[in-house]
Amino acid sequence: MKNAVVLSAEEKRKRLALSASEAEGLTLRDIRCPYCDFIITRVFSDASGHYLAKCQKCKRQVVLNFAYFRRQKGIGKRKAGGSAK
């Protein structure tokens, strides 16, 4: 490979530890297949962009934009005819 950076084992351990410490305050959310609702993967709350995923259940391959597959908890209760306060 051209311009490949080879990291030592110690450098990899440092980067893994740094990654883990950065993710401590983040929450995980499930990304589900839009066709069969099977959980494809779990991502952290700061994830954005596009993701190419293959569902292990229905075998479909889809491109997901994380912004379109967010769910807001409790939004259904507010839309179900509750009074506005």
PDB file of N, CA and C in Angstrom:
ATOM      1  N   MET A   1       0.832  -1.184   0.000  1.00  0.00           N
ATOM      2  CA  MET A   1       0.000   0.000   0.000  1.00  0.00           C
ATOM      3  C   MET A   1       0.873   1.242   0.000  1.00  0.00           C
ATOM      4  N   LYS A   2       0.399   2.248  -0.680  1.00  0.00           N
ATOM      5  CA  LYS A   2       1.116   3.511  -0.721  1.00  0.00           C
ATOM      6  C   LYS A   2       0.841   4.315   0.539  1.00  0.00           C
ATOM      7  N   ASN A   3       1.878   4.907   1.077  1.00  0.00           N
ATOM      8  CA  ASN A   3       1.767   5.793   2.233  1.00  0.00           C
ATOM      9  C   ASN A   3       1.081   5.143   3.433  1.00  0.00           C
ATOM     10  N   ALA A   4       1.267   3.887   3.639  1.00  0.00           N
ATOM     11  CA  ALA A   4       0.663   3.199   4.774  1.00  0.00           C
ATOM     12  C   ALA A   4       1.420   3.539   6.046  1.00  0.00           C
ATOM     13  N   VAL A   5       0.666   3.861   7.086  1.00  0.00           N
ATOM     14  CA  VAL A   5       1.272   4.167   8.376  1.00  0.00           C
ATOM     15  C   VAL A   5       1.211   2.905   9.227  1.00  0.00           C
ATOM     16  N   VAL A   6       2.364   2.458   9.694  1.00  0.00           N
ATOM     17  CA  VAL A   6       2.429   1.263  10.522  1.00  0.00           C
ATOM     18  C   VAL A   6       2.559   1.717  11.973  1.00  0.00           C
ATOM     19  N   LEU A   7       1.582   1.312  12.804  1.00  0.00           N
ATOM     20  CA  LEU A   7       1.584   1.684  14.208  1.00  0.00           C
ATOM     21  C   LEU A   7       2.157   0.564  15.051  1.00  0.00           C
ATOM     22  N   SER A   8       2.881   0.950  16.064  1.00  0.00           N
ATOM     23  CA  SER A   8       3.408  -0.052  16.995  1.00  0.00           C
ATOM     24  C   SER A   8       2.266  -0.516  17.900  1.00  0.00           C
ATOM     25  N   ALA A   9       2.478  -1.615  18.587  1.00  0.00           N
ATOM     26  CA  ALA A   9       1.460  -2.156  19.490  1.00  0.00           C
ATOM     27  C   ALA A   9       1.160  -1.164  20.613  1.00  0.00           C
ATOM     28  N   GLU A  10       2.164  -0.479  21.094  1.00  0.00           N
ATOM     29  CA  GLU A  10       1.975   0.505  22.169  1.00  0.00           C
ATOM     30  C   GLU A  10       1.137   1.681  21.681  1.00  0.00           C
ATOM     31  N   GLU A  11       1.387   2.139  20.470  1.00  0.00           N
ATOM     32  CA  GLU A  11       0.616   3.251  19.906  1.00  0.00           C
ATOM     33  C   GLU A  11      -0.847   2.843  19.703  1.00  0.00           C
ATOM     34  N   LYS A  12      -1.085   1.612  19.285  1.00  0.00           N
ATOM     35  CA  LYS A  12      -2.453   1.118  19.126  1.00  0.00           C
ATOM     36  C   LYS A  12      -3.177   1.088  20.466  1.00  0.00           C
ATOM     37  N   ARG A  13      -2.491   0.623  21.523  1.00  0.00           N
ATOM     38  CA  ARG A  13      -3.083   0.580  22.855  1.00  0.00           C
ATOM     39  C   ARG A  13      -3.434   1.987  23.345  1.00  0.00           C
ATOM     40  N   LYS A  14      -2.564   2.960  23.080  1.00  0.00           N
ATOM     41  CA  LYS A  14      -2.829   4.341  23.483  1.00  0.00           C
ATOM     42  C   LYS A  14      -4.057   4.885  22.770  1.00  0.00           C
ATOM     43  N   ARG A  15      -4.169   4.614  21.484  1.00  0.00           N
ATOM     44  CA  ARG A  15      -5.316   5.106  20.718  1.00  0.00           C
ATOM     45  C   ARG A  15      -6.608   4.434  21.145  1.00  0.00           C
ATOM     46  N   LEU A  16      -6.548   3.144  21.483  1.00  0.00           N
ATOM     47  CA  LEU A  16      -7.728   2.439  21.982  1.00  0.00           C
ATOM     48  C   LEU A  16      -8.184   3.016  23.323  1.00  0.00           C
ATOM     49  N   ALA A  17      -7.243   3.286  24.209  1.00  0.00           N
ATOM     50  CA  ALA A  17      -7.572   3.865  25.506  1.00  0.00           C
ATOM     51  C   ALA A  17      -8.156   5.266  25.337  1.00  0.00           C
ATOM     52  N   LEU A  18      -7.603   6.057  24.453  1.00  0.00           N
ATOM     53  CA  LEU A  18      -8.109   7.394  24.184  1.00  0.00           C
ATOM     54  C   LEU A  18      -9.524   7.327  23.607  1.00  0.00           C
ATOM     55  N   SER A  19      -9.760   6.409  22.699  1.00  0.00           N
ATOM     56  CA  SER A  19     -11.084   6.241  22.106  1.00  0.00           C
ATOM     57  C   SER A  19     -12.111   5.856  23.165  1.00  0.00           C
ATOM     58  N   ALA A  20     -11.744   4.961  24.049  1.00  0.00           N
ATOM     59  CA  ALA A  20     -12.647   4.524  25.108  1.00  0.00           C
ATOM     60  C   ALA A  20     -12.968   5.671  26.066  1.00  0.00           C
ATOM     61  N   SER A  21     -11.973   6.477  26.402  1.00  0.00           N
ATOM     62  CA  SER A  21     -12.222   7.591  27.322  1.00  0.00           C
ATOM     63  C   SER A  21     -13.090   8.665  26.675  1.00  0.00           C
ATOM     64  N   GLU A  22     -12.969   8.862  25.360  1.00  0.00           N
ATOM     65  CA  GLU A  22     -13.800   9.841  24.662  1.00  0.00           C
ATOM     66  C   GLU A  22     -15.261   9.401  24.595  1.00  0.00           C
ATOM     67  N   ALA A  23     -15.512   8.107  24.609  1.00  0.00           N
ATOM     68  CA  ALA A  23     -16.870   7.579  24.466  1.00  0.00           C
ATOM     69  C   ALA A  23     -17.573   7.351  25.800  1.00  0.00           C
ATOM     70  N   GLU A  24     -16.932   7.672  26.903  1.00  0.00           N
ATOM     71  CA  GLU A  24     -17.514   7.385  28.219  1.00  0.00           C
ATOM     72  C   GLU A  24     -18.858   8.069  28.446  1.00  0.00           C
ATOM     73  N   GLY A  25     -19.025   9.309  28.038  1.00  0.00           N
ATOM     74  CA  GLY A  25     -20.262  10.036  28.297  1.00  0.00           C
ATOM     75  C   GLY A  25     -21.326   9.867  27.228  1.00  0.00           C
ATOM     76  N   LEU A  26     -21.045   9.098  26.206  1.00  0.00           N
ATOM     77  CA  LEU A  26     -21.981   8.941  25.095  1.00  0.00           C
ATOM     78  C   LEU A  26     -22.935   7.773  25.333  1.00  0.00           C
ATOM     79  N   THR A  27     -24.096   7.840  24.702  1.00  0.00           N
ATOM     80  CA  THR A  27     -25.060   6.744  24.814  1.00  0.00           C
ATOM     81  C   THR A  27     -25.056   5.945  23.513  1.00  0.00           C
ATOM     82  N   LEU A  28     -25.443   4.694  23.609  1.00  0.00           N
ATOM     83  CA  LEU A  28     -25.549   3.823  22.445  1.00  0.00           C
ATOM     84  C   LEU A  28     -26.990   3.789  21.961  1.00  0.00           C
ATOM     85  N   ARG A  29     -27.157   3.661  20.657  1.00  0.00           N
ATOM     86  CA  ARG A  29     -28.491   3.473  20.103  1.00  0.00           C
ATOM     87  C   ARG A  29     -28.435   2.395  19.035  1.00  0.00           C
ATOM     88  N   ASP A  30     -29.544   1.704  18.873  1.00  0.00           N
ATOM     89  CA  ASP A  30     -29.635   0.615  17.908  1.00  0.00           C
ATOM     90  C   ASP A  30     -29.988   1.163  16.534  1.00  0.00           C
ATOM     91  N   ILE A  31     -29.352   0.630  15.515  1.00  0.00           N
ATOM     92  CA  ILE A  31     -29.712   0.908  14.132  1.00  0.00           C
ATOM     93  C   ILE A  31     -30.374  -0.354  13.603  1.00  0.00           C
ATOM     94  N   ARG A  32     -31.615  -0.220  13.171  1.00  0.00           N
ATOM     95  CA  ARG A  32     -32.406  -1.369  12.728  1.00  0.00           C
ATOM     96  C   ARG A  32     -32.554  -1.380  11.223  1.00  0.00           C
ATOM     97  N   CYS A  33     -32.726  -2.565  10.677  1.00  0.00           N
ATOM     98  CA  CYS A  33     -32.974  -2.726   9.253  1.00  0.00           C
ATOM     99  C   CYS A  33     -34.317  -2.078   8.920  1.00  0.00           C
ATOM    100  N   PRO A  34     -34.362  -1.214   7.899  1.00  0.00           N
ATOM    101  CA  PRO A  34     -35.627  -0.566   7.566  1.00  0.00           C
ATOM    102  C   PRO A  34     -36.649  -1.518   6.948  1.00  0.00           C
ATOM    103  N   TYR A  35     -36.247  -2.723   6.569  1.00  0.00           N
ATOM    104  CA  TYR A  35     -37.146  -3.683   5.950  1.00  0.00           C
ATOM    105  C   TYR A  35     -37.711  -4.690   6.948  1.00  0.00           C
ATOM    106  N   CYS A  36     -36.855  -5.249   7.794  1.00  0.00           N
ATOM    107  CA  CYS A  36     -37.331  -6.309   8.689  1.00  0.00           C
ATOM    108  C   CYS A  36     -37.199  -5.957  10.170  1.00  0.00           C
ATOM    109  N   ASP A  37     -36.685  -4.785  10.501  1.00  0.00           N
ATOM    110  CA  ASP A  37     -36.563  -4.279  11.870  1.00  0.00           C
ATOM    111  C   ASP A  37     -35.548  -5.045  12.727  1.00  0.00           C
ATOM    112  N   PHE A  38     -34.671  -5.800  12.109  1.00  0.00           N
ATOM    113  CA  PHE A  38     -33.613  -6.521  12.816  1.00  0.00           C
ATOM    114  C   PHE A  38     -32.511  -5.525  13.194  1.00  0.00           C
ATOM    115  N   ILE A  39     -31.913  -5.668  14.359  1.00  0.00           N
ATOM    116  CA  ILE A  39     -30.847  -4.755  14.768  1.00  0.00           C
ATOM    117  C   ILE A  39     -29.598  -5.050  13.945  1.00  0.00           C
ATOM    118  N   ILE A  40     -29.164  -4.060  13.159  1.00  0.00           N
ATOM    119  CA  ILE A  40     -27.986  -4.217  12.311  1.00  0.00           C
ATOM    120  C   ILE A  40     -26.714  -3.938  13.099  1.00  0.00           C
ATOM    121  N   THR A  41     -26.718  -2.842  13.832  1.00  0.00           N
ATOM    122  CA  THR A  41     -25.540  -2.451  14.597  1.00  0.00           C
ATOM    123  C   THR A  41     -25.948  -1.492  15.705  1.00  0.00           C
ATOM    124  N   ARG A  42     -25.016  -1.156  16.559  1.00  0.00           N
ATOM    125  CA  ARG A  42     -25.229  -0.153  17.594  1.00  0.00           C
ATOM    126  C   ARG A  42     -24.196   0.942  17.387  1.00  0.00           C
ATOM    127  N   VAL A  43     -24.632   2.192  17.498  1.00  0.00           N
ATOM    128  CA  VAL A  43     -23.730   3.321  17.301  1.00  0.00           C
ATOM    129  C   VAL A  43     -23.844   4.273  18.482  1.00  0.00           C
ATOM    130  N   PHE A  44     -22.812   5.076  18.657  1.00  0.00           N
ATOM    131  CA  PHE A  44     -22.827   6.074  19.721  1.00  0.00           C
ATOM    132  C   PHE A  44     -23.641   7.283  19.290  1.00  0.00           C
ATOM    133  N   SER A  45     -24.065   8.067  20.270  1.00  0.00           N
ATOM    134  CA  SER A  45     -24.953   9.190  20.012  1.00  0.00           C
ATOM    135  C   SER A  45     -24.328  10.271  19.139  1.00  0.00           C
ATOM    136  N   ASP A  46     -23.020  10.327  19.039  1.00  0.00           N
ATOM    137  CA  ASP A  46     -22.386  11.358  18.218  1.00  0.00           C
ATOM    138  C   ASP A  46     -22.125  10.909  16.782  1.00  0.00           C
ATOM    139  N   ALA A  47     -22.574   9.707  16.420  1.00  0.00           N
ATOM    140  CA  ALA A  47     -22.343   9.186  15.069  1.00  0.00           C
ATOM    141  C   ALA A  47     -23.164   9.977  14.056  1.00  0.00           C
ATOM    142  N   SER A  48     -22.539  10.288  12.945  1.00  0.00           N
ATOM    143  CA  SER A  48     -23.234  10.989  11.870  1.00  0.00           C
ATOM    144  C   SER A  48     -22.681  10.504  10.544  1.00  0.00           C
ATOM    145  N   GLY A  49     -23.399  10.798   9.492  1.00  0.00           N
ATOM    146  CA  GLY A  49     -22.932  10.407   8.176  1.00  0.00           C
ATOM    147  C   GLY A  49     -23.663   9.197   7.638  1.00  0.00           C
ATOM    148  N   HIS A  50     -23.047   8.552   6.689  1.00  0.00           N
ATOM    149  CA  HIS A  50     -23.658   7.412   5.999  1.00  0.00           C
ATOM    150  C   HIS A  50     -22.936   6.124   6.375  1.00  0.00           C
ATOM    151  N   TYR A  51     -23.687   5.011   6.314  1.00  0.00           N
ATOM    152  CA  TYR A  51     -23.160   3.714   6.712  1.00  0.00           C
ATOM    153  C   TYR A  51     -23.716   2.662   5.762  1.00  0.00           C
ATOM    154  N   LEU A  52     -22.855   1.870   5.185  1.00  0.00           N
ATOM    155  CA  LEU A  52     -23.266   0.771   4.321  1.00  0.00           C
ATOM    156  C   LEU A  52     -23.413  -0.463   5.192  1.00  0.00           C
ATOM    157  N   ALA A  53     -24.626  -0.994   5.252  1.00  0.00           N
ATOM    158  CA  ALA A  53     -24.905  -2.105   6.146  1.00  0.00           C
ATOM    159  C   ALA A  53     -25.581  -3.239   5.400  1.00  0.00           C
ATOM    160  N   LYS A  54     -25.301  -4.459   5.852  1.00  0.00           N
ATOM    161  CA  LYS A  54     -25.981  -5.636   5.331  1.00  0.00           C
ATOM    162  C   LYS A  54     -26.695  -6.302   6.496  1.00  0.00           C
ATOM    163  N   CYS A  55     -27.990  -6.484   6.332  1.00  0.00           N
ATOM    164  CA  CYS A  55     -28.788  -7.111   7.378  1.00  0.00           C
ATOM    165  C   CYS A  55     -28.497  -8.614   7.400  1.00  0.00           C
ATOM    166  N   GLN A  56     -28.224  -9.142   8.568  1.00  0.00           N
ATOM    167  CA  GLN A  56     -27.924 -10.567   8.705  1.00  0.00           C
ATOM    168  C   GLN A  56     -29.175 -11.423   8.610  1.00  0.00           C
ATOM    169  N   LYS A  57     -30.345 -10.796   8.787  1.00  0.00           N
ATOM    170  CA  LYS A  57     -31.590 -11.563   8.745  1.00  0.00           C
ATOM    171  C   LYS A  57     -32.167 -11.643   7.333  1.00  0.00           C
ATOM    172  N   CYS A  58     -32.402 -10.473   6.696  1.00  0.00           N
ATOM    173  CA  CYS A  58     -33.043 -10.487   5.374  1.00  0.00           C
ATOM    174  C   CYS A  58     -32.035 -10.383   4.225  1.00  0.00           C
ATOM    175  N   LYS A  59     -30.751 -10.207   4.543  1.00  0.00           N
ATOM    176  CA  LYS A  59     -29.642 -10.195   3.577  1.00  0.00           C
ATOM    177  C   LYS A  59     -29.657  -9.002   2.615  1.00  0.00           C
ATOM    178  N   ARG A  60     -30.453  -7.975   2.924  1.00  0.00           N
ATOM    179  CA  ARG A  60     -30.452  -6.795   2.073  1.00  0.00           C
ATOM    180  C   ARG A  60     -29.297  -5.884   2.460  1.00  0.00           C
ATOM    181  N   GLN A  61     -28.739  -5.233   1.477  1.00  0.00           N
ATOM    182  CA  GLN A  61     -27.654  -4.289   1.707  1.00  0.00           C
ATOM    183  C   GLN A  61     -28.214  -2.894   1.479  1.00  0.00           C
ATOM    184  N   VAL A  62     -28.068  -2.022   2.475  1.00  0.00           N
ATOM    185  CA  VAL A  62     -28.642  -0.682   2.402  1.00  0.00           C
ATOM    186  C   VAL A  62     -27.626   0.361   2.845  1.00  0.00           C
ATOM    187  N   VAL A  63     -27.793   1.567   2.319  1.00  0.00           N
ATOM    188  CA  VAL A  63     -27.010   2.712   2.775  1.00  0.00           C
ATOM    189  C   VAL A  63     -27.906   3.487   3.728  1.00  0.00           C
ATOM    190  N   LEU A  64     -27.418   3.704   4.941  1.00  0.00           N
ATOM    191  CA  LEU A  64     -28.195   4.404   5.957  1.00  0.00           C
ATOM    192  C   LEU A  64     -27.553   5.750   6.272  1.00  0.00           C
ATOM    193  N   ASN A  65     -28.365   6.776   6.322  1.00  0.00           N
ATOM    194  CA  ASN A  65     -27.919   8.070   6.819  1.00  0.00           C
ATOM    195  C   ASN A  65     -28.376   8.124   8.271  1.00  0.00           C
ATOM    196  N   PHE A  66     -27.451   8.230   9.210  1.00  0.00           N
ATOM    197  CA  PHE A  66     -27.799   8.170  10.622  1.00  0.00           C
ATOM    198  C   PHE A  66     -28.799   9.253  11.018  1.00  0.00           C
ATOM    199  N   ALA A  67     -28.780  10.391  10.346  1.00  0.00           N
ATOM    200  CA  ALA A  67     -29.706  11.471  10.679  1.00  0.00           C
ATOM    201  C   ALA A  67     -31.152  11.069  10.412  1.00  0.00           C
ATOM    202  N   TYR A  68     -31.401  10.199   9.447  1.00  0.00           N
ATOM    203  CA  TYR A  68     -32.758   9.785   9.115  1.00  0.00           C
ATOM    204  C   TYR A  68     -33.246   8.632   9.987  1.00  0.00           C
ATOM    205  N   PHE A  69     -32.364   7.993  10.714  1.00  0.00           N
ATOM    206  CA  PHE A  69     -32.737   6.830  11.515  1.00  0.00           C
ATOM    207  C   PHE A  69     -32.548   7.081  13.000  1.00  0.00           C
ATOM    208  N   ARG A  70     -32.912   8.278  13.438  1.00  0.00           N
ATOM    209  CA  ARG A  70     -32.919   8.599  14.863  1.00  0.00           C
ATOM    210  C   ARG A  70     -34.345   8.514  15.344  1.00  0.00           C
ATOM    211  N   ARG A  71     -34.507   8.060  16.559  1.00  0.00           N
ATOM    212  CA  ARG A  71     -35.838   8.006  17.161  1.00  0.00           C
ATOM    213  C   ARG A  71     -35.822   8.881  18.399  1.00  0.00           C
ATOM    214  N   GLN A  72     -36.878   9.648  18.570  1.00  0.00           N
ATOM    215  CA  GLN A  72     -37.019  10.458  19.762  1.00  0.00           C
ATOM    216  C   GLN A  72     -37.951   9.739  20.714  1.00  0.00           C
ATOM    217  N   LYS A  73     -37.479   9.495  21.914  1.00  0.00           N
ATOM    218  CA  LYS A  73     -38.301   8.802  22.894  1.00  0.00           C
ATOM    219  C   LYS A  73     -39.444   9.702  23.337  1.00  0.00           C
ATOM    220  N   GLY A  74     -40.644   9.145  23.393  1.00  0.00           N
ATOM    221  CA  GLY A  74     -41.803   9.874  23.874  1.00  0.00           C
ATOM    222  C   GLY A  74     -42.505  10.712  22.825  1.00  0.00           C
ATOM    223  N   ILE A  75     -42.016  10.761  21.602  1.00  0.00           N
ATOM    224  CA  ILE A  75     -42.634  11.591  20.568  1.00  0.00           C
ATOM    225  C   ILE A  75     -44.022  11.085  20.223  1.00  0.00           C
ATOM    226  N   GLY A  76     -44.258   9.781  20.294  1.00  0.00           N
ATOM    227  CA  GLY A  76     -45.566   9.213  19.992  1.00  0.00           C
ATOM    228  C   GLY A  76     -46.628   9.650  20.986  1.00  0.00           C
ATOM    229  N   LYS A  77     -46.258   9.817  22.239  1.00  0.00           N
ATOM    230  CA  LYS A  77     -47.207  10.259  23.256  1.00  0.00           C
ATOM    231  C   LYS A  77     -47.670  11.687  22.983  1.00  0.00           C
ATOM    232  N   ARG A  78     -46.759  12.537  22.527  1.00  0.00           N
ATOM    233  CA  ARG A  78     -47.102  13.930  22.251  1.00  0.00           C
ATOM    234  C   ARG A  78     -47.968  14.048  21.007  1.00  0.00           C
ATOM    235  N   LYS A  79     -47.801  13.154  20.043  1.00  0.00           N
ATOM    236  CA  LYS A  79     -48.594  13.225  18.821  1.00  0.00           C
ATOM    237  C   LYS A  79     -49.941  12.533  18.952  1.00  0.00           C
ATOM    238  N   ALA A  80     -50.153  11.765  20.009  1.00  0.00           N
ATOM    239  CA  ALA A  80     -51.355  10.944  20.155  1.00  0.00           C
ATOM    240  C   ALA A  80     -52.549  11.726  20.693  1.00  0.00           C
ATOM    241  N   GLY A  81     -52.591  13.030  20.497  1.00  0.00           N
ATOM    242  CA  GLY A  81     -53.755  13.798  20.893  1.00  0.00           C
ATOM    243  C   GLY A  81     -53.694  14.348  22.302  1.00  0.00           C
ATOM    244  N   GLY A  82     -52.530  14.368  22.887  1.00  0.00           N
ATOM    245  CA  GLY A  82     -52.383  14.952  24.213  1.00  0.00           C
ATOM    246  C   GLY A  82     -52.546  16.462  24.158  1.00  0.00           C
ATOM    247  N   SER A  83     -52.964  17.063  25.238  1.00  0.00           N
ATOM    248  CA  SER A  83     -53.140  18.504  25.250  1.00  0.00           C
ATOM    249  C   SER A  83     -51.784  19.197  25.345  1.00  0.00           C
ATOM    250  N   ALA A  84     -51.661  20.320  24.667  1.00  0.00           N
ATOM    251  CA  ALA A  84     -50.422  21.089  24.682  1.00  0.00           C
ATOM    252  C   ALA A  84     -50.355  21.887  25.965  1.00  0.00           C
ATOM    253  N   LYS A  85     -49.247  21.810  26.641  1.00  0.00           N
ATOM    254  CA  LYS A  85     -49.072  22.541  27.906  1.00  0.00           C
ATOM    255  C   LYS A  85     -47.928  23.497  27.792  1.00  0.00           C
TER     256      LYS A  85
END
